[in-house]
């Protein structure tokens, strides 16, 4: 394989697995209907977003501390 081809593979993997990839997957999760299918009203959406964000990024304690 050429250096250019290896460089492209590395760059693609970094995008997929790096911060950009995490943000993309997170936004896809927030935009998915299945994220909200079991809530009872629109007023519950902010709480669900907080739950999803905490679970996705593993920052539950940080979020709870800010909202408290």
N, C-alpha and C. Protein backbone atom coordinates (compact mmCIF):
# COMPACT_ATOMS: atom_id res chain seq x y z
N UNK A 1 0.84 -1.18 0.00
CA UNK A 1 0.00 0.00 0.00
C UNK A 1 0.87 1.23 0.00
N UNK A 2 0.37 2.23 -0.64
CA UNK A 2 1.13 3.48 -0.69
C UNK A 2 0.92 4.27 0.60
N UNK A 3 1.84 5.18 0.85
CA UNK A 3 1.73 6.03 2.05
C UNK A 3 0.46 6.88 1.99
N UNK A 4 0.11 7.33 0.79
CA UNK A 4 -1.09 8.16 0.64
C UNK A 4 -2.35 7.37 1.00
N UNK A 5 -2.43 6.13 0.56
CA UNK A 5 -3.58 5.30 0.85
C UNK A 5 -3.66 4.99 2.35
N UNK A 6 -2.52 4.69 2.97
CA UNK A 6 -2.50 4.45 4.42
C UNK A 6 -2.91 5.71 5.18
N UNK A 7 -2.44 6.85 4.72
CA UNK A 7 -2.79 8.12 5.36
C UNK A 7 -4.28 8.38 5.30
N UNK A 8 -4.89 8.09 4.17
CA UNK A 8 -6.34 8.27 4.03
C UNK A 8 -7.10 7.33 4.95
N UNK A 9 -6.66 6.08 5.05
CA UNK A 9 -7.32 5.12 5.94
C UNK A 9 -7.24 5.60 7.39
N UNK A 10 -6.07 6.09 7.79
CA UNK A 10 -5.90 6.58 9.15
C UNK A 10 -6.79 7.80 9.39
N UNK A 11 -6.83 8.70 8.45
CA UNK A 11 -7.65 9.91 8.57
C UNK A 11 -9.13 9.56 8.67
N UNK A 12 -9.58 8.63 7.86
CA UNK A 12 -10.98 8.20 7.90
C UNK A 12 -11.32 7.56 9.24
N UNK A 13 -10.43 6.72 9.75
CA UNK A 13 -10.66 6.07 11.04
C UNK A 13 -10.67 7.10 12.17
N UNK A 14 -9.80 8.09 12.10
CA UNK A 14 -9.76 9.12 13.13
C UNK A 14 -11.06 9.91 13.16
N UNK A 15 -11.59 10.22 12.00
CA UNK A 15 -12.86 10.95 11.94
C UNK A 15 -14.00 10.11 12.51
N UNK A 16 -14.01 8.83 12.17
CA UNK A 16 -15.06 7.93 12.63
C UNK A 16 -14.99 7.71 14.14
N UNK A 17 -13.79 7.56 14.66
CA UNK A 17 -13.61 7.19 16.05
C UNK A 17 -13.27 8.36 16.96
N UNK A 18 -13.01 9.50 16.41
CA UNK A 18 -12.63 10.66 17.21
C UNK A 18 -13.84 11.45 17.66
N UNK A 19 -13.57 12.67 18.04
CA UNK A 19 -14.62 13.54 18.56
C UNK A 19 -15.71 13.77 17.51
N UNK A 20 -15.31 14.00 16.28
CA UNK A 20 -16.30 14.21 15.23
C UNK A 20 -17.25 13.03 15.07
N UNK A 21 -16.70 11.83 15.13
CA UNK A 21 -17.53 10.63 15.03
C UNK A 21 -18.46 10.48 16.22
N UNK A 22 -17.96 10.78 17.42
CA UNK A 22 -18.80 10.71 18.61
C UNK A 22 -19.93 11.71 18.54
N UNK A 23 -19.63 12.92 18.13
CA UNK A 23 -20.67 13.94 18.03
C UNK A 23 -21.71 13.54 17.00
N UNK A 24 -21.27 13.01 15.89
CA UNK A 24 -22.20 12.58 14.85
C UNK A 24 -23.13 11.49 15.37
N UNK A 25 -22.59 10.49 16.05
CA UNK A 25 -23.42 9.41 16.59
C UNK A 25 -24.37 9.93 17.67
N UNK A 26 -23.89 10.86 18.48
CA UNK A 26 -24.73 11.47 19.52
C UNK A 26 -25.91 12.21 18.91
N UNK A 27 -25.64 13.02 17.90
CA UNK A 27 -26.72 13.77 17.25
C UNK A 27 -27.71 12.84 16.56
N UNK A 28 -27.22 11.76 15.98
CA UNK A 28 -28.11 10.77 15.38
C UNK A 28 -29.01 10.14 16.45
N UNK A 29 -28.46 9.90 17.63
CA UNK A 29 -29.24 9.34 18.73
C UNK A 29 -30.32 10.32 19.16
N UNK A 30 -29.94 11.59 19.32
CA UNK A 30 -30.93 12.60 19.72
C UNK A 30 -32.03 12.77 18.68
N UNK A 31 -31.70 12.58 17.42
CA UNK A 31 -32.68 12.75 16.35
C UNK A 31 -33.53 11.52 16.08
N UNK A 32 -33.24 10.43 16.75
CA UNK A 32 -33.97 9.19 16.52
C UNK A 32 -35.29 9.17 17.29
N UNK A 33 -36.34 8.75 16.63
CA UNK A 33 -37.66 8.67 17.27
C UNK A 33 -37.64 7.71 18.45
N UNK A 34 -36.85 6.64 18.36
CA UNK A 34 -36.84 5.65 19.43
C UNK A 34 -36.32 6.24 20.75
N UNK A 35 -35.60 7.34 20.69
CA UNK A 35 -35.12 8.00 21.90
C UNK A 35 -36.28 8.56 22.72
N UNK A 36 -37.37 8.91 22.05
CA UNK A 36 -38.49 9.60 22.70
C UNK A 36 -39.79 8.81 22.75
N UNK A 37 -39.79 7.60 22.24
CA UNK A 37 -41.04 6.87 22.05
C UNK A 37 -41.81 6.58 23.34
N UNK A 38 -41.13 6.56 24.48
CA UNK A 38 -41.83 6.19 25.71
C UNK A 38 -42.11 7.38 26.63
N UNK A 39 -41.92 8.61 26.15
CA UNK A 39 -42.24 9.75 27.01
C UNK A 39 -43.72 10.10 26.85
N UNK A 40 -44.28 10.72 27.89
CA UNK A 40 -45.72 10.99 27.89
C UNK A 40 -46.12 12.35 27.35
N UNK A 41 -45.19 13.34 27.40
CA UNK A 41 -45.55 14.68 26.93
C UNK A 41 -44.31 15.43 26.47
N UNK A 42 -44.53 16.52 25.78
CA UNK A 42 -43.42 17.32 25.27
C UNK A 42 -42.59 17.93 26.40
N UNK A 43 -43.19 18.12 27.55
CA UNK A 43 -42.46 18.69 28.68
C UNK A 43 -41.35 17.76 29.18
N UNK A 44 -41.43 16.49 28.85
CA UNK A 44 -40.43 15.51 29.29
C UNK A 44 -39.21 15.46 28.37
N UNK A 45 -39.25 16.15 27.24
CA UNK A 45 -38.15 16.09 26.28
C UNK A 45 -36.84 16.61 26.85
N UNK A 46 -36.80 17.78 27.52
CA UNK A 46 -35.50 18.24 28.07
C UNK A 46 -34.88 17.25 29.06
N UNK A 47 -35.71 16.63 29.88
CA UNK A 47 -35.19 15.64 30.82
C UNK A 47 -34.61 14.45 30.07
N UNK A 48 -35.28 14.01 29.01
CA UNK A 48 -34.79 12.87 28.22
C UNK A 48 -33.46 13.23 27.55
N UNK A 49 -33.34 14.44 27.04
CA UNK A 49 -32.09 14.85 26.42
C UNK A 49 -30.96 14.83 27.44
N UNK A 50 -31.25 15.26 28.66
CA UNK A 50 -30.26 15.21 29.73
C UNK A 50 -29.86 13.78 30.04
N UNK A 51 -30.83 12.88 30.09
CA UNK A 51 -30.54 11.47 30.37
C UNK A 51 -29.68 10.86 29.27
N UNK A 52 -30.05 11.13 28.02
CA UNK A 52 -29.32 10.56 26.89
C UNK A 52 -27.89 11.11 26.86
N UNK A 53 -27.75 12.40 27.09
CA UNK A 53 -26.43 13.02 27.08
C UNK A 53 -25.54 12.42 28.18
N UNK A 54 -26.10 12.30 29.36
CA UNK A 54 -25.34 11.71 30.46
C UNK A 54 -24.93 10.28 30.19
N UNK A 55 -25.84 9.51 29.65
CA UNK A 55 -25.54 8.11 29.35
C UNK A 55 -24.54 7.98 28.21
N UNK A 56 -24.69 8.81 27.21
CA UNK A 56 -23.84 8.70 26.02
C UNK A 56 -22.40 9.08 26.32
N UNK A 57 -22.21 10.16 27.01
CA UNK A 57 -20.87 10.65 27.27
C UNK A 57 -20.33 10.26 28.64
N UNK A 58 -21.15 9.60 29.46
CA UNK A 58 -20.69 9.16 30.76
C UNK A 58 -20.46 10.31 31.73
N UNK A 59 -21.29 11.34 31.60
CA UNK A 59 -21.10 12.53 32.44
C UNK A 59 -22.32 12.81 33.28
N UNK A 60 -22.97 11.76 33.71
CA UNK A 60 -24.22 11.91 34.47
C UNK A 60 -24.04 12.80 35.70
N UNK A 61 -23.00 12.57 36.48
CA UNK A 61 -22.76 13.35 37.68
C UNK A 61 -22.54 14.81 37.38
N UNK A 62 -21.83 15.10 36.31
CA UNK A 62 -21.57 16.49 35.91
C UNK A 62 -22.86 17.20 35.54
N UNK A 63 -23.69 16.53 34.75
CA UNK A 63 -24.96 17.13 34.33
C UNK A 63 -25.88 17.35 35.53
N UNK A 64 -25.97 16.37 36.40
CA UNK A 64 -26.83 16.51 37.57
C UNK A 64 -26.35 17.64 38.47
N UNK A 65 -25.05 17.84 38.57
CA UNK A 65 -24.51 18.91 39.37
C UNK A 65 -24.83 20.28 38.80
N UNK A 66 -24.82 20.40 37.49
CA UNK A 66 -25.13 21.68 36.84
C UNK A 66 -26.61 21.99 36.96
N UNK A 67 -27.47 20.99 36.83
CA UNK A 67 -28.91 21.22 36.85
C UNK A 67 -29.47 21.35 38.27
N UNK A 68 -28.70 20.93 39.26
CA UNK A 68 -29.19 20.96 40.65
C UNK A 68 -29.20 22.37 41.21
